[in-house]
Each structure stands twice: as C-alpha cells, then as structure tokens.
C-alpha atoms as a PDB file:
ATOM      1  CA  MET A   1       0.000   0.000   0.000  1.00  0.00           C
ATOM      2  CA  ILE A   2       1.359   3.435  -0.937  1.00  0.00           C
ATOM      3  CA  ALA A   3       1.622   5.976   1.878  1.00  0.00           C
ATOM      4  CA  ARG A   4       0.054   9.373   1.360  1.00  0.00           C
ATOM      5  CA  TYR A   5       2.365  11.403   3.621  1.00  0.00           C
ATOM      6  CA  SER A   6      -0.233  13.061   5.802  1.00  0.00           C
ATOM      7  CA  ILE A   7       0.736  16.089   7.911  1.00  0.00           C
ATOM      8  CA  LYS A   8       0.711  14.088  11.157  1.00  0.00           C
ATOM      9  CA  GLU A   9       3.545  11.929   9.773  1.00  0.00           C
ATOM     10  CA  TRP A  10       5.885  14.859   9.089  1.00  0.00           C
ATOM     11  CA  PRO A  11       8.858  15.622  11.347  1.00  0.00           C
ATOM     12  CA  THR A  12       7.782  17.779  14.298  1.00  0.00           C
ATOM     13  CA  THR A  13       9.625  20.863  12.990  1.00  0.00           C
ATOM     14  CA  ASP A  14       7.660  20.635   9.711  1.00  0.00           C
ATOM     15  CA  ARG A  15       4.170  20.356  11.204  1.00  0.00           C
ATOM     16  CA  PRO A  16       2.340  23.624  10.597  1.00  0.00           C
ATOM     17  CA  ARG A  17      -0.738  22.404  12.479  1.00  0.00           C
ATOM     18  CA  GLU A  18       1.190  22.167  15.731  1.00  0.00           C
ATOM     19  CA  ARG A  19       2.769  25.558  15.117  1.00  0.00           C
ATOM     20  CA  LEU A  20      -0.649  27.070  14.394  1.00  0.00           C
ATOM     21  CA  GLU A  21      -2.047  25.656  17.629  1.00  0.00           C
ATOM     22  CA  ALA A  22       0.941  26.939  19.625  1.00  0.00           C
ATOM     23  CA  LEU A  23       1.459  30.361  18.014  1.00  0.00           C
ATOM     24  CA  GLY A  24      -1.646  31.133  15.965  1.00  0.00           C
ATOM     25  CA  PRO A  25      -2.196  31.267  12.175  1.00  0.00           C
ATOM     26  CA  ARG A  26      -0.226  34.502  11.768  1.00  0.00           C
ATOM     27  CA  SER A  27       2.953  32.616  12.616  1.00  0.00           C
ATOM     28  CA  LEU A  28       2.653  30.464   9.474  1.00  0.00           C
ATOM     29  CA  SER A  29       3.900  31.313   6.010  1.00  0.00           C
ATOM     30  CA  PRO A  30       1.544  31.153   2.987  1.00  0.00           C
ATOM     31  CA  ARG A  31       3.218  27.882   2.015  1.00  0.00           C
ATOM     32  CA  GLU A  32       2.475  26.354   5.414  1.00  0.00           C
ATOM     33  CA  LEU A  33      -1.121  27.562   5.396  1.00  0.00           C
ATOM     34  CA  LEU A  34      -1.648  26.068   1.947  1.00  0.00           C
ATOM     35  CA  ALA A  35      -0.103  22.805   3.145  1.00  0.00           C
ATOM     36  CA  LEU A  36      -2.762  22.588   5.859  1.00  0.00           C
ATOM     37  CA  ILE A  37      -5.453  22.929   3.188  1.00  0.00           C
ATOM     38  CA  ILE A  38      -3.770  20.453   0.802  1.00  0.00           C
ATOM     39  CA  GLU A  39      -3.307  18.068   3.761  1.00  0.00           C
ATOM     40  CA  THR A  40      -1.818  15.062   1.929  1.00  0.00           C
ATOM     41  CA  GLY A  41       1.125  14.759  -0.406  1.00  0.00           C
ATOM     42  CA  ARG A  42       1.886  12.711  -3.501  1.00  0.00           C
ATOM     43  CA  PRO A  43       3.509   9.271  -3.279  1.00  0.00           C
ATOM     44  CA  ALA A  44       6.527   8.219  -5.287  1.00  0.00           C
ATOM     45  CA  GLU A  45       5.384   6.572  -8.490  1.00  0.00           C
ATOM     46  CA  GLY A  46       6.341   6.310 -12.136  1.00  0.00           C
ATOM     47  CA  GLY A  47       9.872   7.461 -11.427  1.00  0.00           C
ATOM     48  CA  ARG A  48       8.677  10.637  -9.723  1.00  0.00           C
ATOM     49  CA  PRO A  49       9.853  11.314  -6.162  1.00  0.00           C
ATOM     50  CA  ALA A  50       7.399  11.580  -3.295  1.00  0.00           C
ATOM     51  CA  ARG A  51       6.171  15.080  -2.385  1.00  0.00           C
ATOM     52  CA  THR A  52       4.766  16.134   0.973  1.00  0.00           C
ATOM     53  CA  ALA A  53       1.852  18.547   1.297  1.00  0.00           C
ATOM     54  CA  LEU A  54       4.409  21.249   2.119  1.00  0.00           C
ATOM     55  CA  ASP A  55       6.276  20.423  -1.114  1.00  0.00           C
ATOM     56  CA  LEU A  56       3.057  20.631  -3.114  1.00  0.00           C
ATOM     57  CA  ALA A  57       2.217  23.983  -1.533  1.00  0.00           C
ATOM     58  CA  GLY A  58       5.609  25.302  -2.615  1.00  0.00           C
ATOM     59  CA  ASP A  59       5.104  23.897  -6.132  1.00  0.00           C
ATOM     60  CA  LEU A  60       1.724  25.630  -6.337  1.00  0.00           C
ATOM     61  CA  LEU A  61       3.061  29.017  -5.232  1.00  0.00           C
ATOM     62  CA  LEU A  62       5.951  28.739  -7.682  1.00  0.00           C
ATOM     63  CA  ALA A  63       3.653  27.764 -10.545  1.00  0.00           C
ATOM     64  CA  PHE A  64       1.564  30.908 -10.061  1.00  0.00           C
ATOM     65  CA  SER A  65       4.382  33.313  -9.238  1.00  0.00           C
ATOM     66  CA  SER A  66       5.132  36.201 -11.588  1.00  0.00           C
ATOM     67  CA  GLY A  67       8.668  36.419 -10.194  1.00  0.00           C
ATOM     68  CA  SER A  68       8.054  39.020  -7.502  1.00  0.00           C
ATOM     69  CA  GLY A  69       7.070  36.339  -4.971  1.00  0.00           C
ATOM     70  CA  ARG A  70       4.261  38.498  -3.605  1.00  0.00           C
ATOM     71  CA  ASP A  71       1.331  37.883  -5.928  1.00  0.00           C
ATOM     72  CA  SER A  72       1.083  34.083  -6.051  1.00  0.00           C
ATOM     73  CA  LEU A  73      -1.954  33.874  -3.772  1.00  0.00           C
ATOM     74  CA  ARG A  74      -3.850  36.487  -5.774  1.00  0.00           C
ATOM     75  CA  ARG A  75      -3.040  34.649  -8.998  1.00  0.00           C
ATOM     76  CA  ILE A  76      -4.182  31.337  -7.515  1.00  0.00           C
ATOM     77  CA  MET A  77      -7.386  32.960  -6.242  1.00  0.00           C
ATOM     78  CA  ASN A  78      -8.197  34.154  -9.778  1.00  0.00           C
ATOM     79  CA  ALA A  79      -7.355  30.825 -11.427  1.00  0.00           C
ATOM     80  CA  SER A  80      -9.791  28.078 -12.331  1.00  0.00           C
ATOM     81  CA  ILE A  81      -9.935  24.627 -10.789  1.00  0.00           C
ATOM     82  CA  ALA A  82      -8.588  23.222 -14.055  1.00  0.00           C
ATOM     83  CA  GLU A  83      -5.593  25.565 -14.001  1.00  0.00           C
ATOM     84  CA  ILE A  84      -4.734  24.787 -10.388  1.00  0.00           C
ATOM     85  CA  SER A  85      -5.129  21.060 -11.036  1.00  0.00           C
ATOM     86  CA  LYS A  86      -2.317  21.220 -13.608  1.00  0.00           C
ATOM     87  CA  VAL A  87       0.180  21.334 -10.742  1.00  0.00           C
ATOM     88  CA  PRO A  88       1.224  17.688 -10.205  1.00  0.00           C
ATOM     89  CA  GLY A  89      -0.289  16.311  -7.024  1.00  0.00           C
ATOM     90  CA  ILE A  90      -3.038  18.949  -6.860  1.00  0.00           C
ATOM     91  CA  GLY A  91      -6.285  17.311  -7.996  1.00  0.00           C
ATOM     92  CA  ARG A  92      -9.649  18.943  -8.485  1.00  0.00           C
ATOM     93  CA  ALA A  93     -10.752  18.292  -4.898  1.00  0.00           C
ATOM     94  CA  LYS A  94      -7.654  19.980  -3.471  1.00  0.00           C
ATOM     95  CA  ALA A  95      -8.012  22.834  -5.969  1.00  0.00           C
ATOM     96  CA  ALA A  96     -11.617  23.428  -4.884  1.00  0.00           C
ATOM     97  CA  LYS A  97     -10.602  23.521  -1.201  1.00  0.00           C
ATOM     98  CA  ILE A  98      -7.813  25.999  -1.953  1.00  0.00           C
ATOM     99  CA  LEU A  99     -10.124  28.322  -3.898  1.00  0.00           C
ATOM    100  CA  ALA A 100     -12.759  28.149  -1.158  1.00  0.00           C
ATOM    101  CA  ALA A 101     -10.204  29.044   1.540  1.00  0.00           C
ATOM    102  CA  LEU A 102      -8.791  31.962  -0.464  1.00  0.00           C
ATOM    103  CA  GLU A 103     -12.277  33.275  -1.175  1.00  0.00           C
ATOM    104  CA  LEU A 104     -13.104  33.203   2.548  1.00  0.00           C
ATOM    105  CA  GLY A 105      -9.918  35.171   3.218  1.00  0.00           C
ATOM    106  CA  ARG A 106     -10.818  37.714   0.553  1.00  0.00           C
ATOM    107  CA  ARG A 107     -14.295  38.239   1.985  1.00  0.00           C
ATOM    108  CA  ALA A 108     -12.932  38.580   5.513  1.00  0.00           C
ATOM    109  CA  ALA A 109     -10.428  41.187   4.329  1.00  0.00           C
ATOM    110  CA  GLU A 110     -13.183  43.166   2.623  1.00  0.00           C
ATOM    111  CA  GLU A 111     -15.250  43.127   5.795  1.00  0.00           C
ATOM    112  CA  GLU A 112     -12.470  44.328   8.071  1.00  0.00           C
ATOM    113  CA  ARG A 113     -10.186  46.535   6.027  1.00  0.00           C
ATOM    114  CA  PRO A 114     -10.730  47.778   2.441  1.00  0.00           C
ATOM    115  CA  GLY A 115      -7.084  48.668   1.841  1.00  0.00           C
ATOM    116  CA  LEU A 116      -3.607  48.466   3.285  1.00  0.00           C
ATOM    117  CA  ASP A 117      -3.039  50.442   6.477  1.00  0.00           C
ATOM    118  CA  ARG A 118      -0.147  52.879   6.557  1.00  0.00           C
ATOM    119  CA  VAL A 119       1.811  53.405   9.770  1.00  0.00           C
ATOM    120  CA  GLY A 120       3.740  56.650  10.067  1.00  0.00           C
ATOM    121  CA  SER A 121       4.594  56.881  13.756  1.00  0.00           C
ATOM    122  CA  PRO A 122       5.062  54.761  16.891  1.00  0.00           C
ATOM    123  CA  ARG A 123       1.692  56.059  18.155  1.00  0.00           C
ATOM    124  CA  GLU A 124      -0.009  54.644  15.048  1.00  0.00           C
ATOM    125  CA  VAL A 125       1.726  51.298  15.611  1.00  0.00           C
ATOM    126  CA  TYR A 126       0.472  51.318  19.208  1.00  0.00           C
ATOM    127  CA  GLU A 127      -3.086  52.200  18.174  1.00  0.00           C
ATOM    128  CA  ARG A 128      -3.058  49.398  15.615  1.00  0.00           C
ATOM    129  CA  MET A 129      -1.728  46.743  17.990  1.00  0.00           C
ATOM    130  CA  ARG A 130      -3.083  47.665  21.429  1.00  0.00           C
ATOM    131  CA  LEU A 131      -6.402  45.852  20.992  1.00  0.00           C
ATOM    132  CA  VAL A 132      -4.631  42.783  19.617  1.00  0.00           C
ATOM    133  CA  LEU A 133      -2.292  42.607  22.611  1.00  0.00           C
ATOM    134  CA  ARG A 134      -4.550  43.997  25.339  1.00  0.00           C
ATOM    135  CA  ASP A 135      -5.552  41.734  28.224  1.00  0.00           C
ATOM    136  CA  LEU A 136      -3.146  38.959  27.230  1.00  0.00           C
ATOM    137  CA  LYS A 137      -1.656  37.101  30.178  1.00  0.00           C
ATOM    138  CA  HIS A 138       1.428  36.194  28.175  1.00  0.00           C
ATOM    139  CA  GLU A 139       3.853  38.043  25.932  1.00  0.00           C
ATOM    140  CA  GLU A 140       3.404  37.921  22.166  1.00  0.00           C
ATOM    141  CA  PHE A 141       6.051  39.076  19.729  1.00  0.00           C
ATOM    142  CA  HIS A 142       4.770  40.439  16.408  1.00  0.00           C
ATOM    143  CA  VAL A 143       6.479  41.816  13.324  1.00  0.00           C
ATOM    144  CA  LEU A 144       4.738  44.250  10.982  1.00  0.00           C
ATOM    145  CA  LEU A 145       5.959  43.712   7.423  1.00  0.00           C
ATOM    146  CA  LEU A 146       5.913  46.993   5.470  1.00  0.00           C
ATOM    147  CA  ASN A 147       6.195  47.907   1.812  1.00  0.00           C
ATOM    148  CA  THR A 148       8.047  50.951   0.475  1.00  0.00           C
ATOM    149  CA  GLN A 149       5.051  53.200   1.310  1.00  0.00           C
ATOM    150  CA  ASN A 150       5.056  52.021   4.952  1.00  0.00           C
ATOM    151  CA  GLN A 151       1.840  50.108   4.338  1.00  0.00           C
ATOM    152  CA  VAL A 152       1.386  46.962   6.403  1.00  0.00           C
ATOM    153  CA  ILE A 153       1.646  43.879   4.210  1.00  0.00           C
ATOM    154  CA  ARG A 154       1.195  41.489   7.086  1.00  0.00           C
ATOM    155  CA  ASP A 155       1.119  41.249  10.862  1.00  0.00           C
ATOM    156  CA  LEU A 156       3.323  38.243  11.639  1.00  0.00           C
ATOM    157  CA  GLN A 157       3.127  36.663  15.089  1.00  0.00           C
ATOM    158  CA  VAL A 158       6.550  35.153  15.742  1.00  0.00           C
ATOM    159  CA  THR A 159       6.366  33.765  19.253  1.00  0.00           C
ATOM    160  CA  ARG A 160       4.206  33.516  22.338  1.00  0.00           C
ATOM    161  CA  GLY A 161       5.639  33.498  25.850  1.00  0.00           C
ATOM    162  CA  THR A 162       8.483  35.242  27.673  1.00  0.00           C
ATOM    163  CA  LEU A 163      10.591  37.217  25.210  1.00  0.00           C
ATOM    164  CA  ASP A 164      14.046  35.735  24.861  1.00  0.00           C
ATOM    165  CA  ALA A 165      16.718  35.924  22.171  1.00  0.00           C
ATOM    166  CA  SER A 166      16.734  32.120  21.945  1.00  0.00           C
ATOM    167  CA  LEU A 167      13.016  32.127  21.046  1.00  0.00           C
ATOM    168  CA  VAL A 168      12.893  35.098  18.668  1.00  0.00           C
ATOM    169  CA  HIS A 169      15.282  33.812  16.032  1.00  0.00           C
ATOM    170  CA  PRO A 170      16.088  36.097  13.073  1.00  0.00           C
ATOM    171  CA  ARG A 171      15.211  33.236  10.720  1.00  0.00           C
ATOM    172  CA  GLU A 172      11.600  33.247  11.927  1.00  0.00           C
ATOM    173  CA  VAL A 173      11.350  37.039  11.698  1.00  0.00           C
ATOM    174  CA  PHE A 174      12.916  37.573   8.301  1.00  0.00           C
ATOM    175  CA  ARG A 175      11.847  34.431   6.437  1.00  0.00           C
ATOM    176  CA  SER A 176       8.411  35.875   5.719  1.00  0.00           C
ATOM    177  CA  ALA A 177       9.852  39.363   5.219  1.00  0.00           C
ATOM    178  CA  VAL A 178      12.051  38.042   2.414  1.00  0.00           C
ATOM    179  CA  THR A 179       9.290  35.864   0.928  1.00  0.00           C
ATOM    180  CA  GLU A 180       6.821  38.756   0.832  1.00  0.00           C
ATOM    181  CA  ALA A 181       9.399  41.294  -0.366  1.00  0.00           C
ATOM    182  CA  ALA A 182       8.997  43.579   2.629  1.00  0.00           C
ATOM    183  CA  ALA A 183      11.008  46.792   2.486  1.00  0.00           C
ATOM    184  CA  SER A 184      11.181  47.172   6.265  1.00  0.00           C
ATOM    185  CA  VAL A 185       9.736  45.802   9.493  1.00  0.00           C
ATOM    186  CA  ILE A 186       8.563  47.092  12.869  1.00  0.00           C
ATOM    187  CA  LEU A 187       8.901  44.911  15.963  1.00  0.00           C
ATOM    188  CA  VAL A 188       6.019  44.915  18.458  1.00  0.00           C
ATOM    189  CA  HIS A 189       5.416  43.015  21.676  1.00  0.00           C
ATOM    190  CA  ASN A 190       3.469  43.453  24.880  1.00  0.00           C
ATOM    191  CA  HIS A 191       4.235  43.419  28.596  1.00  0.00           C
ATOM    192  CA  PRO A 192       1.376  41.732  30.487  1.00  0.00           C
ATOM    193  CA  SER A 193       2.468  43.604  33.626  1.00  0.00           C
ATOM    194  CA  GLY A 194       1.246  46.807  31.985  1.00  0.00           C
ATOM    195  CA  ASP A 195       4.655  48.502  32.299  1.00  0.00           C
ATOM    196  CA  PRO A 196       6.133  48.906  28.789  1.00  0.00           C
ATOM    197  CA  THR A 197       9.657  49.736  30.013  1.00  0.00           C
ATOM    198  CA  PRO A 198      12.037  47.655  27.833  1.00  0.00           C
ATOM    199  CA  SER A 199      13.838  44.874  29.692  1.00  0.00           C
ATOM    200  CA  PRO A 200      17.461  43.828  29.077  1.00  0.00           C
ATOM    201  CA  GLU A 201      16.069  40.880  27.067  1.00  0.00           C
ATOM    202  CA  ASP A 202      14.025  43.288  24.922  1.00  0.00           C
ATOM    203  CA  ARG A 203      17.159  45.286  24.163  1.00  0.00           C
ATOM    204  CA  ALA A 204      19.188  42.177  23.348  1.00  0.00           C
ATOM    205  CA  VAL A 205      16.542  40.857  20.950  1.00  0.00           C
ATOM    206  CA  THR A 206      16.306  44.261  19.278  1.00  0.00           C
ATOM    207  CA  ARG A 207      20.065  44.478  18.736  1.00  0.00           C
ATOM    208  CA  GLU A 208      20.179  40.996  17.241  1.00  0.00           C
ATOM    209  CA  LEU A 209      17.266  41.613  14.870  1.00  0.00           C
ATOM    210  CA  ARG A 210      18.555  45.020  13.764  1.00  0.00           C
ATOM    211  CA  SER A 211      21.897  43.429  12.907  1.00  0.00           C
ATOM    212  CA  ALA A 212      20.212  40.623  10.953  1.00  0.00           C
ATOM    213  CA  GLY A 213      18.041  43.139   9.098  1.00  0.00           C
ATOM    214  CA  GLU A 214      21.087  45.175   8.069  1.00  0.00           C
ATOM    215  CA  THR A 215      22.690  42.027   6.673  1.00  0.00           C
ATOM    216  CA  LEU A 216      19.557  41.198   4.644  1.00  0.00           C
ATOM    217  CA  GLY A 217      18.868  44.764   3.540  1.00  0.00           C
ATOM    218  CA  ILE A 218      15.540  44.906   5.398  1.00  0.00           C
ATOM    219  CA  GLU A 219      15.514  47.814   7.843  1.00  0.00           C
ATOM    220  CA  VAL A 220      14.101  47.421  11.332  1.00  0.00           C
ATOM    221  CA  LEU A 221      12.369  50.788  11.770  1.00  0.00           C
ATOM    222  CA  ASP A 222      11.410  50.537  15.445  1.00  0.00           C
ATOM    223  CA  HIS A 223      10.513  48.282  18.346  1.00  0.00           C
ATOM    224  CA  VAL A 224       7.308  49.244  20.121  1.00  0.00           C
ATOM    225  CA  VAL A 225       6.559  47.735  23.542  1.00  0.00           C
ATOM    226  CA  VAL A 226       2.844  47.835  24.385  1.00  0.00           C
ATOM    227  CA  GLY A 227       1.726  48.256  28.008  1.00  0.00           C
ATOM    228  CA  GLU A 228      -1.522  49.157  29.754  1.00  0.00           C
ATOM    229  CA  GLY A 229      -2.700  52.373  28.122  1.00  0.00           C
ATOM    230  CA  ARG A 230       0.811  53.384  27.073  1.00  0.00           C
ATOM    231  CA  TYR A 231       3.801  52.254  25.069  1.00  0.00           C
ATOM    232  CA  VAL A 232       7.547  52.712  24.667  1.00  0.00           C
ATOM    233  CA  SER A 233       9.124  53.207  21.274  1.00  0.00           C
ATOM    234  CA  PHE A 234      12.836  52.372  21.063  1.00  0.00           C
ATOM    235  CA  VAL A 235      13.252  55.211  18.550  1.00  0.00           C
ATOM    236  CA  GLU A 236      11.376  57.812  20.610  1.00  0.00           C
ATOM    237  CA  ALA A 237      13.136  56.719  23.796  1.00  0.00           C
ATOM    238  CA  GLY A 238      16.572  57.090  22.209  1.00  0.00           C
ATOM    239  CA  LEU A 239      17.350  53.389  22.554  1.00  0.00           C
ATOM    240  CA  TRP A 240      18.143  52.941  18.851  1.00  0.00           C
END
C-alpha cells in the first residue's frame, strides 16, 4: 500500500498544524497555510519522487508566481480549478478547497479593512496593535511587514511566551519578510504587567534583529513595547 504522507507523519519541525495551535495562524507562512489545506502529499510513483503537502504547496506558489514572490496567492485565487489542477499532485478536490479558503480570506479582508493600512509613527503602531495585545496574560512578539510606502503587508506573530533571544530567532522574523518582499519591518510586543519599560532581554533581541536586518537589507524601523494604556518606542526613547 502506498503511503500518502499526511501532515501528522511529518517531522515535528515541519508540522504547521502544531505551530498554528501553539502560536496562531499569523505565525505560518503562505506555504504552510496552503499545506494545511492540501493536507496530503503525492507518493513516489512512475519514477517521480514523493512530495509532501508542504512540497506541493511550494510547487503551487511557484507555478503561479510572476517572479516578484508576492502575488502568487492572488493569482491562484483568480485561477480556475482546471488551471490549479495542472500542478502535479493537486487534484480537483484539493483545488476546490484551496479556492474556497482563499475566497473566505478575501471576503474577511473586505469586511475588516478595504485597503492596506499605513503606519507613520510609533503612536499609530500602538493604536493598531493595542487591541490585539490587550488583556493577554502572556507576551506575544509580532512583526509588521511593510512595503516601500510604509503600508502593512502582514502582521506576523513570531512567538508567544516570555521574550528571549533564543526564542525570537532572526530566521523566523525575516523568512516571511524576504518571501513577501517587505522593504522594512517594525517589531512589536506586549508586557502583560502593563509597564512597557524595555527589559534587558528586549534590548538584546532588538540588537540581534537590527543586525540581521542590516545584513539582509531589510531595515528594522522601530521596536514598540505595548503596556496598559501606554507604550515605549525604542526610537522615541533614544534606545536605537
């Protein structure tokens, strides 16, 4: 019997479902989210190597990429079931599920926000994120991915729990920034205590991520710490 390489059989580090449960859907890349929808891979047959659901998701994004790496999902959403099914391993049933999921995302985006939000100051970052982070009993570390007009491409949740340099790895922060061609990023996290004063760990994480961003050519514009009714901006506080 030929195995179908379901998600539960992947190595732990490659299981987006577990990462979604632990960190939330914003922590996953488009490829990982698509893999959850695709669910099963393609077995090795006819001389072709086996492909996991994550592999198929990458194949699908590549097949519909114009080269910029940022418009694959929109191109898939506007494709037909027949066109999507041309990607090996993606049958009509999988194609229908993918289109249904993307359509739900499009409708949700239209309900909540008609266009991209622009952030021009630490206060605007705080106003955008305070309701997301308010009342949490744990720390969450987010990264706002921005385009060249300082419009938010995506709010990426990187980690949940006590902020530590060993948890907030530059790879997790900048992987999506590179994939989505972000021009710059803004770091945001909360202090459940309500006091937004940056800790030594906050400063260490900021230094490490700024250095990584300089190496990759993606500028870290600021780090905003959200507290109860107030915030601290590293830039405004002269901690940059």
